[in-house]
Every structure is written in structure tokens, then in C-alpha cells.
Amino acid sequence: MSAPRFYCPPPLPLNTHCELPPEAAHHASRVLRMRVGDAVQIFDGIGNVLDATIHNIQGKHVHLGNLQTSISQGEHPLKIVLAQAMCSSEKMDWIVQKAVELGASEIWPIQTQRSVAKLTSARAEKRAEHWRQVAISACEQCGRNTLPLIQPPQELHAWLHEMKTDSGQKLILLPSGATTLRTQVMPQPRITLLIGPEGGFTQDESNIAQQIGFAPVLLGPRILRTETAAIAGITAIQTLWGDFA
């Protein structure tokens, strides 16, 4: 069984001792009930990993010792960007968690005309930080050492305007899509997958996306829920061109 993993913001310590951040310390001592001498692993979210053992536990503080550099599994060169239309909080949490586990390198929460969730700027900032914590937990669980970039929520038309100059491959998932993923050219080094809300994109939104280079694709003959579409899309991309291949 692998040692429990905890995220520690960079830089990782250069000496042989360190203290876990408060949230990680609480999880180690109060939730996992770890004890002195137990093995752990810490990572900084940018690819660096250290093996360690719990040296001391004092109240809310967990001190580590015997820090040693561990071999880090690198990321696949294909960068998968998920642009996900905003949906309910529970669904968004699930999408972020699973997208991280499946290897997405960047996640954009997008507000569309038919998005169920509408966030003010203050709430958007809080939700972005919440999703970042979801991503951290997913990395801890799945063994990933590079933390994906969780972008703040963006209105669709503004985001599409920024994407005009993006040189990577761009796909929009539509029930009326003319092609499948298999017909697409192998993307290098970046592919962006745009997923609509529960009610789908409006015709205007779909048209604008296609005008700036988003190729309309579909995943089989069935209409998928937004949370299913995101995960199925990333899985298919990884199977065709990524680290599932």
C-alpha cells in the first residue's frame, strides 16, 4: 500500500525536516490517525516529490523527518484543457475531481447563457479557490504530482475572444457534430475541449465557437449529460493520443 500523500506549496524544503501545512496536518493526524514513524509523501504541485516519515505530532502540528527525493512520474506531453460550462456545485466538484484524475492540465469554468450556476465576481473567486482544493485532493489521491491550473470562471464570449489566438487544437462537443474524435488529426501539444451546460449551447454560442476554429465533434449517437460528456471526452482523448494509448 502506498504512503499517504500531502500537497505542500513550493518550494519543498531542502533540509531533512519540515512541518506539514495546517490542512494536511489535520488530515494526517485527525482524519487518517497517523502516528510517529508512519511513512508519507509530499509533493509541491510542480512535479517535485519527497518521501518522509512522521517525526513528531504536537497538537495541530505534524513534523516530518528523513526527507528523501523520490522519483517523480512526469506528465504526458499532450496538454488537455477542459473548458466546462458551469453547472451545479456538486456536479462541478465531481467534474473537476475526475478531470484531474484523468490528466487534464487546465480547467476553465465557463458561464454560458444556459448555465444553471451564475456567479458574482466575489463568489466566483471563492468557488475558484474551492475547486483548487478539490484539485489538490484529487492529486493527493491519484498520485499525480503536477497540480492542474484551475482558472477563474469566465463568461463564454469573453473566453472565446481570448481563444482566437490559441494555436492548439480546439474541439466543441455537440450532438450535431459532424465528426468523431478518430477523424481528428493527432493534437500537438495542446487540445482544448469545450463542453456545454445541461441545456446545451445556444445556436449563437455554437456558431461563434466554430467561427474561431472549434471543430464540432460528437461522442457516439447518445446525448450525454454535461458531467458525463466532460469525463468521456477526456477519457477518449487520453485513449487516442494521451497516456492511455
Protein backbone atom coordinates (compact mmCIF):
# COMPACT_ATOMS: atom_id res chain seq x y z
CA MET A 1 0.00 0.00 0.00
CA SER A 2 1.40 3.41 -0.97
CA ALA A 3 2.07 6.05 1.66
CA PRO A 4 -0.49 8.85 2.13
CA ARG A 5 0.34 11.90 0.04
CA PHE A 6 0.07 15.56 1.01
CA TYR A 7 0.37 18.76 -1.00
CA CYS A 8 2.92 21.27 0.26
CA PRO A 9 3.18 24.60 -1.61
CA PRO A 10 6.57 25.14 -3.27
CA PRO A 11 9.37 25.31 -2.59
CA LEU A 12 9.81 21.94 -0.93
CA PRO A 13 12.32 22.00 1.96
CA LEU A 14 15.97 21.43 1.20
CA ASN A 15 16.83 20.10 4.67
CA THR A 16 15.82 16.81 6.31
CA HIS A 17 12.91 18.12 8.39
CA CYS A 18 9.74 20.12 7.75
CA GLU A 19 6.23 20.71 9.04
CA LEU A 20 3.07 19.83 7.17
CA PRO A 21 0.75 22.73 6.24
CA PRO A 22 -2.24 23.10 8.63
CA GLU A 23 -4.84 21.37 6.40
CA ALA A 24 -2.51 18.49 5.59
CA ALA A 25 -1.54 18.16 9.27
CA HIS A 26 -5.19 17.98 10.30
CA HIS A 27 -5.91 15.33 7.68
CA ALA A 28 -2.86 13.26 8.67
CA SER A 29 -3.37 13.36 12.44
CA ARG A 30 -7.15 13.73 12.88
CA VAL A 31 -8.63 12.01 9.84
CA LEU A 32 -6.09 9.33 8.94
CA ARG A 33 -4.97 8.91 12.59
CA MET A 34 -1.34 8.61 11.54
CA ARG A 35 1.35 8.10 14.13
CA VAL A 36 5.06 8.83 14.61
CA GLY A 37 7.11 6.65 12.30
CA ASP A 38 4.45 6.38 9.59
CA ALA A 39 5.63 6.95 6.02
CA VAL A 40 4.24 9.84 3.96
CA GLN A 41 4.94 11.53 0.66
CA ILE A 42 4.79 15.26 -0.03
CA PHE A 43 4.63 16.99 -3.42
CA ASP A 44 4.70 20.62 -4.50
CA GLY A 45 2.30 20.57 -7.46
CA ILE A 46 5.03 21.37 -10.00
CA GLY A 47 6.45 17.86 -10.25
CA ASN A 48 8.74 17.54 -7.22
CA VAL A 49 8.21 14.77 -4.64
CA LEU A 50 9.78 13.82 -1.32
CA ASP A 51 9.40 10.66 0.75
CA ALA A 52 9.37 11.21 4.52
CA THR A 53 8.32 9.81 7.87
CA ILE A 54 6.33 11.45 10.64
CA HIS A 55 8.90 12.59 13.19
CA ASN A 56 6.66 14.27 15.77
CA ILE A 57 2.99 15.19 16.37
CA GLN A 58 2.23 18.05 18.74
CA GLY A 59 -1.39 19.16 18.81
CA LYS A 60 -2.19 20.58 15.39
CA HIS A 61 1.43 20.34 14.24
CA VAL A 62 2.87 17.39 12.32
CA HIS A 63 6.62 17.37 11.81
CA LEU A 64 8.32 15.23 9.18
CA GLY A 65 11.82 13.82 9.14
CA ASN A 66 14.05 11.69 6.94
CA LEU A 67 13.11 13.63 3.80
CA GLN A 68 14.41 11.99 0.65
CA THR A 69 13.92 12.85 -3.01
CA SER A 70 11.53 10.49 -4.76
CA ILE A 71 11.35 9.71 -8.47
CA SER A 72 8.50 11.74 -9.93
CA GLN A 73 6.29 10.42 -12.70
CA GLY A 74 6.25 13.04 -15.43
CA GLU A 75 3.22 14.43 -17.23
CA HIS A 76 2.32 13.34 -20.75
CA PRO A 77 3.41 15.94 -23.34
CA LEU A 78 -0.18 16.31 -24.61
CA LYS A 79 -1.85 19.11 -22.63
CA ILE A 80 -5.61 18.63 -22.27
CA VAL A 81 -7.58 21.79 -21.48
CA LEU A 82 -11.17 21.34 -20.31
CA ALA A 83 -13.50 24.31 -20.80
CA GLN A 84 -16.56 23.28 -18.83
CA ALA A 85 -19.85 25.17 -18.85
CA MET A 86 -20.90 25.97 -15.29
CA CYS A 87 -23.35 23.57 -13.69
CA SER A 88 -24.50 22.85 -10.14
CA SER A 89 -21.88 22.96 -7.36
CA GLU A 90 -21.99 19.21 -6.76
CA LYS A 91 -21.56 18.41 -10.46
CA MET A 92 -18.75 20.93 -10.92
CA ASP A 93 -16.87 19.47 -7.96
CA TRP A 94 -17.22 16.00 -9.47
CA ILE A 95 -16.09 17.17 -12.91
CA VAL A 96 -13.02 18.93 -11.51
CA GLN A 97 -12.09 15.91 -9.40
CA LYS A 98 -12.40 13.40 -12.22
CA ALA A 99 -10.79 15.65 -14.83
CA VAL A 100 -7.74 15.99 -12.58
CA GLU A 101 -7.59 12.22 -12.02
CA LEU A 102 -7.78 11.67 -15.78
CA GLY A 103 -4.90 14.05 -16.50
CA ALA A 104 -6.39 17.40 -17.54
CA SER A 105 -3.69 20.07 -17.35
CA GLU A 106 -6.00 23.09 -17.18
CA ILE A 107 -9.68 23.63 -16.33
CA TRP A 108 -11.77 26.66 -17.31
CA PRO A 109 -15.21 27.04 -15.67
CA ILE A 110 -17.30 28.83 -18.31
CA GLN A 111 -20.54 30.77 -17.79
CA THR A 112 -22.91 30.29 -20.73
CA GLN A 113 -26.40 31.60 -21.43
CA ARG A 114 -27.96 28.37 -20.19
CA SER A 115 -25.61 27.72 -17.28
CA VAL A 116 -27.52 26.83 -14.13
CA ALA A 117 -24.92 28.46 -11.88
CA LYS A 118 -24.41 32.22 -12.15
CA LEU A 119 -21.63 33.68 -10.02
CA THR A 120 -20.87 37.21 -8.95
CA SER A 121 -17.21 38.21 -9.02
CA ALA A 122 -16.88 37.70 -5.24
CA ARG A 123 -18.48 34.27 -5.33
CA ALA A 124 -16.52 33.31 -8.42
CA GLU A 125 -13.24 33.91 -6.61
CA LYS A 126 -14.35 31.74 -3.69
CA ARG A 127 -15.52 28.95 -6.00
CA ALA A 128 -12.24 29.02 -7.90
CA GLU A 129 -10.33 28.54 -4.65
CA HIS A 130 -12.73 25.76 -3.66
CA TRP A 131 -12.11 23.97 -6.97
CA ARG A 132 -8.39 24.36 -6.46
CA GLN A 133 -8.73 22.50 -3.16
CA VAL A 134 -10.76 19.80 -4.93
CA ALA A 135 -7.93 19.51 -7.47
CA ILE A 136 -5.31 19.25 -4.70
CA SER A 137 -7.25 16.43 -3.02
CA ALA A 138 -7.58 14.65 -6.36
CA CYS A 139 -3.81 14.88 -6.93
CA GLU A 140 -3.14 13.54 -3.44
CA GLN A 141 -5.42 10.59 -4.09
CA CYS A 142 -4.41 9.65 -7.64
CA GLY A 143 -0.63 10.02 -7.30
CA ARG A 144 -0.33 12.98 -9.62
CA ASN A 145 2.50 15.39 -8.77
CA THR A 146 1.63 18.29 -11.05
CA LEU A 147 -1.33 20.39 -9.98
CA PRO A 148 -3.54 21.41 -12.92
CA LEU A 149 -4.23 25.09 -13.41
CA ILE A 150 -7.75 25.95 -12.21
CA GLN A 151 -8.78 29.17 -13.93
CA PRO A 152 -11.33 31.63 -12.51
CA PRO A 153 -14.82 31.44 -14.05
CA GLN A 154 -15.07 33.28 -17.35
CA GLU A 155 -18.02 34.40 -19.47
CA LEU A 156 -18.14 32.36 -22.68
CA HIS A 157 -17.97 35.18 -25.24
CA ALA A 158 -15.01 36.81 -23.46
CA TRP A 159 -13.23 33.47 -23.25
CA LEU A 160 -13.87 32.71 -26.92
CA HIS A 161 -12.40 36.10 -27.82
CA GLU A 162 -9.19 35.14 -25.99
CA MET A 163 -9.16 31.75 -27.72
CA LYS A 164 -8.98 33.32 -31.19
CA THR A 165 -5.20 33.38 -30.98
CA ASP A 166 -4.80 29.95 -29.37
CA SER A 167 -2.67 27.77 -31.63
CA GLY A 168 -3.70 24.42 -30.17
CA GLN A 169 -6.40 22.12 -31.46
CA LYS A 170 -9.90 23.22 -30.43
CA LEU A 171 -12.97 20.97 -30.19
CA ILE A 172 -16.57 21.68 -29.17
CA LEU A 173 -18.78 18.75 -28.22
CA LEU A 174 -22.15 18.99 -29.99
CA PRO A 175 -24.96 16.47 -30.56
CA SER A 176 -24.96 17.72 -34.15
CA GLY A 177 -21.21 17.33 -34.51
CA ALA A 178 -20.15 16.29 -37.98
CA THR A 179 -17.16 14.17 -36.97
CA THR A 180 -15.81 11.96 -34.22
CA LEU A 181 -12.52 12.24 -32.37
CA ARG A 182 -11.00 9.48 -34.51
CA THR A 183 -11.26 11.69 -37.59
CA GLN A 184 -9.25 14.48 -35.96
CA VAL A 185 -5.55 14.97 -36.56
CA MET A 186 -3.37 13.96 -33.62
CA PRO A 187 -3.09 17.12 -31.49
CA GLN A 188 0.30 18.56 -30.53
CA PRO A 189 0.98 19.76 -27.98
CA ARG A 190 -2.35 21.12 -26.68
CA ILE A 191 -6.03 20.33 -27.16
CA THR A 192 -8.99 22.28 -25.75
CA LEU A 193 -12.33 20.55 -25.25
CA LEU A 194 -15.37 22.81 -24.83
CA ILE A 195 -18.36 21.22 -23.05
CA GLY A 196 -21.81 22.83 -22.89
CA PRO A 197 -24.27 23.18 -19.98
CA GLU A 198 -27.27 20.98 -19.16
CA GLY A 199 -29.42 22.76 -21.74
CA GLY A 200 -26.69 22.82 -24.36
CA PHE A 201 -25.14 25.78 -26.14
CA THR A 202 -27.37 28.31 -27.86
CA GLN A 203 -27.07 28.42 -31.64
CA ASP A 204 -25.28 31.76 -31.37
CA GLU A 205 -22.72 30.38 -28.90
CA SER A 206 -22.13 27.32 -31.05
CA ASN A 207 -21.71 29.43 -34.19
CA ILE A 208 -19.19 31.81 -32.63
CA ALA A 209 -17.12 28.92 -31.27
CA GLN A 210 -16.97 27.30 -34.69
CA GLN A 211 -16.14 30.58 -36.39
CA ILE A 212 -12.94 30.89 -34.35
CA GLY A 213 -11.84 27.35 -35.06
CA PHE A 214 -13.63 24.97 -32.71
CA ALA A 215 -14.34 21.78 -34.65
CA PRO A 216 -17.76 20.26 -33.79
CA VAL A 217 -17.41 16.64 -32.68
CA LEU A 218 -19.71 14.09 -31.06
CA LEU A 219 -19.12 11.10 -28.79
CA GLY A 220 -21.32 8.43 -30.28
CA PRO A 221 -25.07 8.53 -31.00
CA ARG A 222 -26.21 9.28 -27.44
CA ILE A 223 -26.81 12.71 -25.86
CA LEU A 224 -24.65 12.84 -22.74
CA ARG A 225 -25.18 14.79 -19.54
CA THR A 226 -22.70 17.64 -19.17
CA GLU A 227 -20.73 15.88 -16.42
CA THR A 228 -20.64 12.63 -18.42
CA ALA A 229 -19.55 14.43 -21.59
CA ALA A 230 -16.56 16.07 -19.89
CA ILE A 231 -15.20 12.85 -18.45
CA ALA A 232 -15.98 10.75 -21.54
CA GLY A 233 -14.29 13.35 -23.74
CA ILE A 234 -11.07 13.47 -21.71
CA THR A 235 -11.00 9.67 -21.49
CA ALA A 236 -11.39 9.35 -25.26
CA ILE A 237 -8.61 11.89 -25.88
CA GLN A 238 -6.28 10.07 -23.50
CA THR A 239 -7.10 6.76 -25.18
CA LEU A 240 -6.43 8.04 -28.69
CA TRP A 241 -3.42 10.29 -28.14
CA GLY A 242 -2.54 10.52 -24.44
CA ASP A 243 -1.21 8.35 -21.66
CA PHE A 244 -3.92 5.69 -22.04
CA ALA A 245 -2.65 4.83 -25.50
